[in-house]
Amino acid sequence: MLVNIYMDLMLNPNWKKIGISLSGGADSALLAYLICSQSDATIHFNHQIRMWRTRPWQNYIFHQVVNWFVKRFGDRFHIHENLVPPEMEEPNTTYITDEYGKSKPGNRIILRSYNEYIAHREGLDALYAAVNKNPDVRFKGAPEERYEGHIEPHFVHDGIDIVHPFVHTRKDWIIQQYYDLGIEDLLDITRSCEGEFEGLNYKTYTPGDPVPLCGECFWCLEREWALGEVE
């Protein structure tokens, strides 16, 4: 199984600088692990700071994940962080026509544009993202486009290879890899929940404080489903 995983990464041994969108969730953390295990390239982690007022722990968890990688793979990482204003997040934002003529919510335009900016500023050879496919069980709040695999696994844009190796892969497969690879400690650091909690915000949260899981958002339901499917 691992041979197929690595083949699907479409890694070019000549790439010296690779960008990875790293959120602090299980999908992007696994993708980063697989790439770091198979490539000696310098890794650029691109991170979007999102909902900083109501979910400030997300950025702290991202840095915990980064620290795990530094301890495991050494000092080969560059960190790029960008703020997404809460007003530009779905479903609050209006849809905007981007430079490619597609109607997109503000947060997605910011994410794509920032990644392109970093890729060109840093001279990256490739950009990776861990977009995956929805479970075959329908959960409330599931992104509809993820049922059909709306992004190509690999294409070249503006001279840079864009790779989405998990686009036809569901989260149960992703979670299984943590156990097969013996990196459950990394899985335990990651967080999927996008719930918000009364009385817990940027004024009251201290990094390292435990944060509950809402158990109701799609991301909680997807992760719980995937854990239930693990052998």
Foldseek 3Di string as FASTA:
>chain_A
DLVVVLVLQVDDQPFQEEEEAQQLALQRLLNVVSDLVPYPHQYEYEYECEPCWFCVQRVLLSVVSVVVCCVVRNPRYHYHYHYDPHCQDPPNFAWDQDPVRDTHGRVVNVVVVVVVVCCVVVVGQEYEYAAAAADPDDAPPDDPCLPPLVDDQWDADPNHIYGHSHSHPAVLVSVQVCVVVVPVVSNVSGDQAPDGDPPDTNVPDDHPDDDDHPCRHPRNVRVVVSVVSHD
